[in-house]
């Protein structure tokens, strides 16, 4: 039988686990009932969504040069055209959307054009199902600087243990109990992955904080 590592902060009594399972079950039932009402009642029709069109693009932005966007709609488009304008309102391109393909329930229409200068742009589609969106054109360094910084800060804020990185979201070390985590025999799981019965300790205590790499037996 294998081992199962749980720190003291993770342990719940059987009564608390039962309450948690019952709460989850009630939420599931509520969702199912709401879904049934949405399907059965005429007033909850989602026909408006079938007429909508969406423009899919790179939200980070594009480099100077060729740009491809996609127009997507559940209903077929009738002779759609599109224009691209600078934020100043100056038109830099106009044309007809490309041939339709499919992706799931959507008709997909590519829109290809070239941008020769950095800046903010807006694309507008005219036709049976109009749509619009904005995007940026810039150098790779400018486009990627903020997303890379956001990703780095996210992972830094998630760091636990004594070697945390101070920030507005992380002002103190967390999960220090992981330095002395009790090891239990592998339990049996039931509904919603709830643990059946009580955890049985093996007597081993390990350091799973992560600062030293591989967990160490204390």
C-alpha atoms as a PDB file:
ATOM      1  CA  UNK A   1       0.000   0.000   0.000  1.00  0.00           C
ATOM      2  CA  UNK A   2       1.425   3.401  -0.945  1.00  0.00           C
ATOM      3  CA  UNK A   3       1.841   6.507   1.168  1.00  0.00           C
ATOM      4  CA  UNK A   4      -0.201   9.688   1.152  1.00  0.00           C
ATOM      5  CA  UNK A   5       1.302  12.993   2.335  1.00  0.00           C
ATOM      6  CA  UNK A   6      -1.075  15.441   4.027  1.00  0.00           C
ATOM      7  CA  UNK A   7      -0.161  18.436   6.173  1.00  0.00           C
ATOM      8  CA  UNK A   8      -2.175  19.245   9.289  1.00  0.00           C
ATOM      9  CA  UNK A   9      -3.785  22.279   7.614  1.00  0.00           C
ATOM     10  CA  UNK A  10      -5.386  20.009   5.017  1.00  0.00           C
ATOM     11  CA  UNK A  11      -7.137  17.609   7.398  1.00  0.00           C
ATOM     12  CA  UNK A  12     -10.921  17.741   7.804  1.00  0.00           C
ATOM     13  CA  UNK A  13     -13.091  15.822  10.224  1.00  0.00           C
ATOM     14  CA  UNK A  14     -15.575  13.336   8.810  1.00  0.00           C
ATOM     15  CA  UNK A  15     -18.382  15.718   9.761  1.00  0.00           C
ATOM     16  CA  UNK A  16     -16.814  18.626   7.871  1.00  0.00           C
ATOM     17  CA  UNK A  17     -16.212  16.424   4.830  1.00  0.00           C
ATOM     18  CA  UNK A  18     -19.846  15.303   4.849  1.00  0.00           C
ATOM     19  CA  UNK A  19     -21.025  18.934   4.936  1.00  0.00           C
ATOM     20  CA  UNK A  20     -18.718  19.757   2.024  1.00  0.00           C
ATOM     21  CA  UNK A  21     -20.032  16.844  -0.067  1.00  0.00           C
ATOM     22  CA  UNK A  22     -23.657  17.796   0.636  1.00  0.00           C
ATOM     23  CA  UNK A  23     -22.994  21.414  -0.350  1.00  0.00           C
ATOM     24  CA  UNK A  24     -21.424  20.353  -3.647  1.00  0.00           C
ATOM     25  CA  UNK A  25     -24.346  18.013  -4.363  1.00  0.00           C
ATOM     26  CA  UNK A  26     -26.837  20.835  -3.793  1.00  0.00           C
ATOM     27  CA  UNK A  27     -24.899  23.088  -6.195  1.00  0.00           C
ATOM     28  CA  UNK A  28     -24.927  20.381  -8.869  1.00  0.00           C
ATOM     29  CA  UNK A  29     -28.686  19.884  -8.471  1.00  0.00           C
ATOM     30  CA  UNK A  30     -29.284  23.653  -8.736  1.00  0.00           C
ATOM     31  CA  UNK A  31     -27.250  23.847 -11.942  1.00  0.00           C
ATOM     32  CA  UNK A  32     -29.132  20.924 -13.487  1.00  0.00           C
ATOM     33  CA  UNK A  33     -32.529  22.446 -12.603  1.00  0.00           C
ATOM     34  CA  UNK A  34     -31.517  25.857 -13.984  1.00  0.00           C
ATOM     35  CA  UNK A  35     -30.300  24.248 -17.210  1.00  0.00           C
ATOM     36  CA  UNK A  36     -33.596  22.376 -17.585  1.00  0.00           C
ATOM     37  CA  UNK A  37     -35.593  25.596 -17.094  1.00  0.00           C
ATOM     38  CA  UNK A  38     -33.441  27.384 -19.697  1.00  0.00           C
ATOM     39  CA  UNK A  39     -34.148  24.670 -22.259  1.00  0.00           C
ATOM     40  CA  UNK A  40     -37.876  24.275 -21.556  1.00  0.00           C
ATOM     41  CA  UNK A  41     -39.100  27.849 -21.152  1.00  0.00           C
ATOM     42  CA  UNK A  42     -39.722  29.781 -24.419  1.00  0.00           C
ATOM     43  CA  UNK A  43     -38.676  33.019 -22.724  1.00  0.00           C
ATOM     44  CA  UNK A  44     -35.150  31.636 -22.254  1.00  0.00           C
ATOM     45  CA  UNK A  45     -34.475  31.151 -25.952  1.00  0.00           C
ATOM     46  CA  UNK A  46     -30.861  31.683 -27.048  1.00  0.00           C
ATOM     47  CA  UNK A  47     -31.708  32.380 -30.690  1.00  0.00           C
ATOM     48  CA  UNK A  48     -29.981  35.760 -30.455  1.00  0.00           C
ATOM     49  CA  UNK A  49     -26.637  34.000 -30.014  1.00  0.00           C
ATOM     50  CA  UNK A  50     -27.096  32.161 -33.313  1.00  0.00           C
ATOM     51  CA  UNK A  51     -27.168  35.514 -35.142  1.00  0.00           C
ATOM     52  CA  UNK A  52     -24.057  36.908 -33.471  1.00  0.00           C
ATOM     53  CA  UNK A  53     -20.681  37.215 -35.170  1.00  0.00           C
ATOM     54  CA  UNK A  54     -17.292  37.337 -33.485  1.00  0.00           C
ATOM     55  CA  UNK A  55     -13.828  38.435 -34.540  1.00  0.00           C
ATOM     56  CA  UNK A  56     -11.016  36.258 -33.221  1.00  0.00           C
ATOM     57  CA  UNK A  57      -7.564  37.831 -33.013  1.00  0.00           C
ATOM     58  CA  UNK A  58      -4.310  37.812 -31.068  1.00  0.00           C
ATOM     59  CA  UNK A  59      -5.084  39.885 -27.978  1.00  0.00           C
ATOM     60  CA  UNK A  60      -1.378  40.573 -27.394  1.00  0.00           C
ATOM     61  CA  UNK A  61      -1.115  42.202 -30.820  1.00  0.00           C
ATOM     62  CA  UNK A  62       0.765  41.866 -34.105  1.00  0.00           C
ATOM     63  CA  UNK A  63       4.114  42.840 -35.561  1.00  0.00           C
ATOM     64  CA  UNK A  64       4.345  45.081 -38.616  1.00  0.00           C
ATOM     65  CA  UNK A  65       3.571  43.016 -41.711  1.00  0.00           C
ATOM     66  CA  UNK A  66       0.925  40.435 -42.660  1.00  0.00           C
ATOM     67  CA  UNK A  67      -2.028  40.129 -40.278  1.00  0.00           C
ATOM     68  CA  UNK A  68      -4.725  37.456 -40.230  1.00  0.00           C
ATOM     69  CA  UNK A  69      -7.956  37.733 -38.238  1.00  0.00           C
ATOM     70  CA  UNK A  70     -10.975  35.418 -38.263  1.00  0.00           C
ATOM     71  CA  UNK A  71     -14.658  36.212 -38.482  1.00  0.00           C
ATOM     72  CA  UNK A  72     -16.804  33.512 -36.841  1.00  0.00           C
ATOM     73  CA  UNK A  73     -20.580  33.110 -36.872  1.00  0.00           C
ATOM     74  CA  UNK A  74     -23.055  30.253 -36.538  1.00  0.00           C
ATOM     75  CA  UNK A  75     -25.208  31.605 -39.357  1.00  0.00           C
ATOM     76  CA  UNK A  76     -23.622  31.911 -42.824  1.00  0.00           C
ATOM     77  CA  UNK A  77     -22.454  35.393 -43.765  1.00  0.00           C
ATOM     78  CA  UNK A  78     -23.786  37.000 -46.945  1.00  0.00           C
ATOM     79  CA  UNK A  79     -21.071  38.867 -48.906  1.00  0.00           C
ATOM     80  CA  UNK A  80     -19.303  40.280 -45.840  1.00  0.00           C
ATOM     81  CA  UNK A  81     -16.688  42.989 -46.311  1.00  0.00           C
ATOM     82  CA  UNK A  82     -14.334  44.536 -43.782  1.00  0.00           C
ATOM     83  CA  UNK A  83     -12.354  47.715 -43.238  1.00  0.00           C
ATOM     84  CA  UNK A  84      -9.303  48.430 -41.084  1.00  0.00           C
ATOM     85  CA  UNK A  85      -8.774  51.908 -39.648  1.00  0.00           C
ATOM     86  CA  UNK A  86      -6.193  53.606 -37.459  1.00  0.00           C
ATOM     87  CA  UNK A  87      -7.285  55.003 -34.117  1.00  0.00           C
ATOM     88  CA  UNK A  88      -7.342  58.408 -35.843  1.00  0.00           C
ATOM     89  CA  UNK A  89     -10.058  57.140 -38.184  1.00  0.00           C
ATOM     90  CA  UNK A  90      -7.840  56.903 -41.276  1.00  0.00           C
ATOM     91  CA  UNK A  91      -8.707  53.854 -43.376  1.00  0.00           C
ATOM     92  CA  UNK A  92      -5.694  51.668 -44.187  1.00  0.00           C
ATOM     93  CA  UNK A  93      -7.377  48.653 -45.792  1.00  0.00           C
ATOM     94  CA  UNK A  94     -10.711  47.365 -47.080  1.00  0.00           C
ATOM     95  CA  UNK A  95     -11.623  44.082 -48.674  1.00  0.00           C
ATOM     96  CA  UNK A  96     -13.815  40.990 -48.754  1.00  0.00           C
ATOM     97  CA  UNK A  97     -13.491  38.222 -46.178  1.00  0.00           C
ATOM     98  CA  UNK A  98     -11.981  34.935 -47.309  1.00  0.00           C
ATOM     99  CA  UNK A  99     -13.662  31.654 -48.158  1.00  0.00           C
ATOM    100  CA  UNK A 100     -15.619  30.016 -45.360  1.00  0.00           C
ATOM    101  CA  UNK A 101     -14.460  27.013 -43.410  1.00  0.00           C
ATOM    102  CA  UNK A 102     -15.961  25.462 -40.290  1.00  0.00           C
ATOM    103  CA  UNK A 103     -14.924  24.997 -36.667  1.00  0.00           C
ATOM    104  CA  UNK A 104     -17.481  23.130 -34.616  1.00  0.00           C
ATOM    105  CA  UNK A 105     -20.818  24.909 -35.088  1.00  0.00           C
ATOM    106  CA  UNK A 106     -19.196  28.065 -36.457  1.00  0.00           C
ATOM    107  CA  UNK A 107     -18.552  29.253 -39.986  1.00  0.00           C
ATOM    108  CA  UNK A 108     -15.038  30.696 -40.127  1.00  0.00           C
ATOM    109  CA  UNK A 109     -13.912  33.433 -42.520  1.00  0.00           C
ATOM    110  CA  UNK A 110     -10.259  34.566 -42.642  1.00  0.00           C
ATOM    111  CA  UNK A 111      -9.425  38.233 -43.092  1.00  0.00           C
ATOM    112  CA  UNK A 112      -5.942  38.905 -44.457  1.00  0.00           C
ATOM    113  CA  UNK A 113      -4.227  42.277 -44.824  1.00  0.00           C
ATOM    114  CA  UNK A 114      -0.894  44.016 -44.182  1.00  0.00           C
ATOM    115  CA  UNK A 115      -0.064  46.751 -41.678  1.00  0.00           C
ATOM    116  CA  UNK A 116       2.961  48.961 -42.288  1.00  0.00           C
ATOM    117  CA  UNK A 117       3.075  51.080 -39.119  1.00  0.00           C
ATOM    118  CA  UNK A 118       2.743  50.562 -35.371  1.00  0.00           C
ATOM    119  CA  UNK A 119      -0.344  51.813 -33.580  1.00  0.00           C
ATOM    120  CA  UNK A 120      -3.875  50.944 -32.529  1.00  0.00           C
ATOM    121  CA  UNK A 121      -6.321  49.722 -35.165  1.00  0.00           C
ATOM    122  CA  UNK A 122      -9.988  48.802 -35.468  1.00  0.00           C
ATOM    123  CA  UNK A 123     -11.487  46.248 -37.839  1.00  0.00           C
ATOM    124  CA  UNK A 124     -15.174  46.438 -38.755  1.00  0.00           C
ATOM    125  CA  UNK A 125     -17.128  43.784 -40.642  1.00  0.00           C
ATOM    126  CA  UNK A 126     -20.222  44.751 -42.648  1.00  0.00           C
ATOM    127  CA  UNK A 127     -22.776  42.274 -43.896  1.00  0.00           C
ATOM    128  CA  UNK A 128     -25.644  40.177 -42.630  1.00  0.00           C
ATOM    129  CA  UNK A 129     -23.918  39.740 -39.239  1.00  0.00           C
ATOM    130  CA  UNK A 130     -21.654  42.729 -38.463  1.00  0.00           C
ATOM    131  CA  UNK A 131     -18.854  42.699 -35.902  1.00  0.00           C
ATOM    132  CA  UNK A 132     -15.913  44.841 -34.816  1.00  0.00           C
ATOM    133  CA  UNK A 133     -12.755  44.599 -32.713  1.00  0.00           C
ATOM    134  CA  UNK A 134      -9.555  46.498 -31.934  1.00  0.00           C
ATOM    135  CA  UNK A 135      -5.933  45.343 -31.962  1.00  0.00           C
ATOM    136  CA  UNK A 136      -2.399  46.696 -31.608  1.00  0.00           C
ATOM    137  CA  UNK A 137       0.609  46.583 -33.919  1.00  0.00           C
ATOM    138  CA  UNK A 138       4.071  47.062 -32.412  1.00  0.00           C
ATOM    139  CA  UNK A 139       7.563  45.637 -32.060  1.00  0.00           C
ATOM    140  CA  UNK A 140       7.976  42.210 -30.389  1.00  0.00           C
ATOM    141  CA  UNK A 141       9.637  43.818 -27.380  1.00  0.00           C
ATOM    142  CA  UNK A 142       6.745  46.189 -26.810  1.00  0.00           C
ATOM    143  CA  UNK A 143       4.056  43.584 -27.461  1.00  0.00           C
ATOM    144  CA  UNK A 144       5.480  40.910 -25.162  1.00  0.00           C
ATOM    145  CA  UNK A 145       6.817  43.045 -22.296  1.00  0.00           C
ATOM    146  CA  UNK A 146       3.545  43.326 -20.351  1.00  0.00           C
ATOM    147  CA  UNK A 147       2.324  39.710 -20.843  1.00  0.00           C
ATOM    148  CA  UNK A 148       5.733  38.364 -19.789  1.00  0.00           C
ATOM    149  CA  UNK A 149       5.747  40.616 -16.724  1.00  0.00           C
ATOM    150  CA  UNK A 150       2.199  39.535 -15.824  1.00  0.00           C
ATOM    151  CA  UNK A 151       3.138  35.852 -16.107  1.00  0.00           C
ATOM    152  CA  UNK A 152       6.270  36.312 -13.996  1.00  0.00           C
ATOM    153  CA  UNK A 153       4.383  38.179 -11.258  1.00  0.00           C
ATOM    154  CA  UNK A 154       1.670  35.517 -11.206  1.00  0.00           C
ATOM    155  CA  UNK A 155       4.144  32.699 -10.573  1.00  0.00           C
ATOM    156  CA  UNK A 156       6.054  34.767  -8.017  1.00  0.00           C
ATOM    157  CA  UNK A 157       2.837  35.446  -6.090  1.00  0.00           C
ATOM    158  CA  UNK A 158       2.060  31.712  -6.050  1.00  0.00           C
ATOM    159  CA  UNK A 159       5.362  30.820  -4.382  1.00  0.00           C
ATOM    160  CA  UNK A 160       4.839  29.404  -0.885  1.00  0.00           C
ATOM    161  CA  UNK A 161       7.215  28.694   1.961  1.00  0.00           C
ATOM    162  CA  UNK A 162       9.838  30.800   3.697  1.00  0.00           C
ATOM    163  CA  UNK A 163      11.511  31.875   0.446  1.00  0.00           C
ATOM    164  CA  UNK A 164       8.498  33.812  -0.793  1.00  0.00           C
ATOM    165  CA  UNK A 165       8.800  36.954  -2.938  1.00  0.00           C
ATOM    166  CA  UNK A 166       7.176  39.983  -1.246  1.00  0.00           C
ATOM    167  CA  UNK A 167       4.493  41.776  -3.281  1.00  0.00           C
ATOM    168  CA  UNK A 168       1.116  43.454  -2.865  1.00  0.00           C
ATOM    169  CA  UNK A 169      -0.510  40.007  -2.971  1.00  0.00           C
ATOM    170  CA  UNK A 170       2.126  38.144  -0.937  1.00  0.00           C
ATOM    171  CA  UNK A 171       3.111  39.955   2.263  1.00  0.00           C
ATOM    172  CA  UNK A 172       4.140  37.013   4.449  1.00  0.00           C
ATOM    173  CA  UNK A 173       5.374  33.415   4.148  1.00  0.00           C
ATOM    174  CA  UNK A 174       2.662  30.792   3.745  1.00  0.00           C
ATOM    175  CA  UNK A 175       2.227  27.046   4.227  1.00  0.00           C
ATOM    176  CA  UNK A 176       5.120  26.769   6.654  1.00  0.00           C
ATOM    177  CA  UNK A 177       3.542  23.607   8.065  1.00  0.00           C
ATOM    178  CA  UNK A 178       4.806  21.922   4.898  1.00  0.00           C
ATOM    179  CA  UNK A 179       8.228  21.849   6.526  1.00  0.00           C
ATOM    180  CA  UNK A 180       6.922  19.052   8.742  1.00  0.00           C
ATOM    181  CA  UNK A 181       4.256  17.127   6.819  1.00  0.00           C
ATOM    182  CA  UNK A 182       2.901  13.874   8.209  1.00  0.00           C
ATOM    183  CA  UNK A 183       2.793  10.881   5.883  1.00  0.00           C
ATOM    184  CA  UNK A 184      -0.365   8.746   5.867  1.00  0.00           C
ATOM    185  CA  UNK A 185      -1.298   5.468   4.261  1.00  0.00           C
ATOM    186  CA  UNK A 186      -3.072   5.914   0.938  1.00  0.00           C
ATOM    187  CA  UNK A 187      -6.787   6.394   1.701  1.00  0.00           C
ATOM    188  CA  UNK A 188      -9.864   5.220  -0.154  1.00  0.00           C
ATOM    189  CA  UNK A 189     -11.752   7.955  -1.977  1.00  0.00           C
ATOM    190  CA  UNK A 190     -15.503   8.172  -2.445  1.00  0.00           C
ATOM    191  CA  UNK A 191     -18.007  10.617  -3.946  1.00  0.00           C
ATOM    192  CA  UNK A 192     -16.428  13.889  -5.174  1.00  0.00           C
ATOM    193  CA  UNK A 193     -13.041  12.501  -4.096  1.00  0.00           C
ATOM    194  CA  UNK A 194     -14.008  12.654  -0.439  1.00  0.00           C
ATOM    195  CA  UNK A 195     -11.834  10.494   1.826  1.00  0.00           C
ATOM    196  CA  UNK A 196     -13.568   7.471   3.338  1.00  0.00           C
ATOM    197  CA  UNK A 197     -12.812   6.943   7.003  1.00  0.00           C
ATOM    198  CA  UNK A 198      -9.890   8.403   8.918  1.00  0.00           C
ATOM    199  CA  UNK A 199      -6.331   8.844   7.695  1.00  0.00           C
ATOM    200  CA  UNK A 200      -3.864   6.326   9.112  1.00  0.00           C
ATOM    201  CA  UNK A 201      -0.428   7.831   9.910  1.00  0.00           C
ATOM    202  CA  UNK A 202       2.737   5.949   8.963  1.00  0.00           C
ATOM    203  CA  UNK A 203       4.873   7.741  11.528  1.00  0.00           C
ATOM    204  CA  UNK A 204       7.028   9.439   8.891  1.00  0.00           C
ATOM    205  CA  UNK A 205       7.445  13.232   8.795  1.00  0.00           C
ATOM    206  CA  UNK A 206       8.866  14.882   5.671  1.00  0.00           C
ATOM    207  CA  UNK A 207       9.794  18.360   4.455  1.00  0.00           C
ATOM    208  CA  UNK A 208       7.736  19.109   1.318  1.00  0.00           C
ATOM    209  CA  UNK A 209       8.104  22.881   1.333  1.00  0.00           C
ATOM    210  CA  UNK A 210       9.986  22.718  -1.955  1.00  0.00           C
ATOM    211  CA  UNK A 211      12.898  24.972  -1.122  1.00  0.00           C
ATOM    212  CA  UNK A 212      15.319  22.070  -1.156  1.00  0.00           C
ATOM    213  CA  UNK A 213      13.937  20.249  -4.197  1.00  0.00           C
ATOM    214  CA  UNK A 214      13.176  16.605  -3.375  1.00  0.00           C
ATOM    215  CA  UNK A 215      11.052  16.020  -0.214  1.00  0.00           C
ATOM    216  CA  UNK A 216      13.294  14.974   2.677  1.00  0.00           C
ATOM    217  CA  UNK A 217      12.421  12.581   5.504  1.00  0.00           C
ATOM    218  CA  UNK A 218      12.853  14.305   8.868  1.00  0.00           C
END
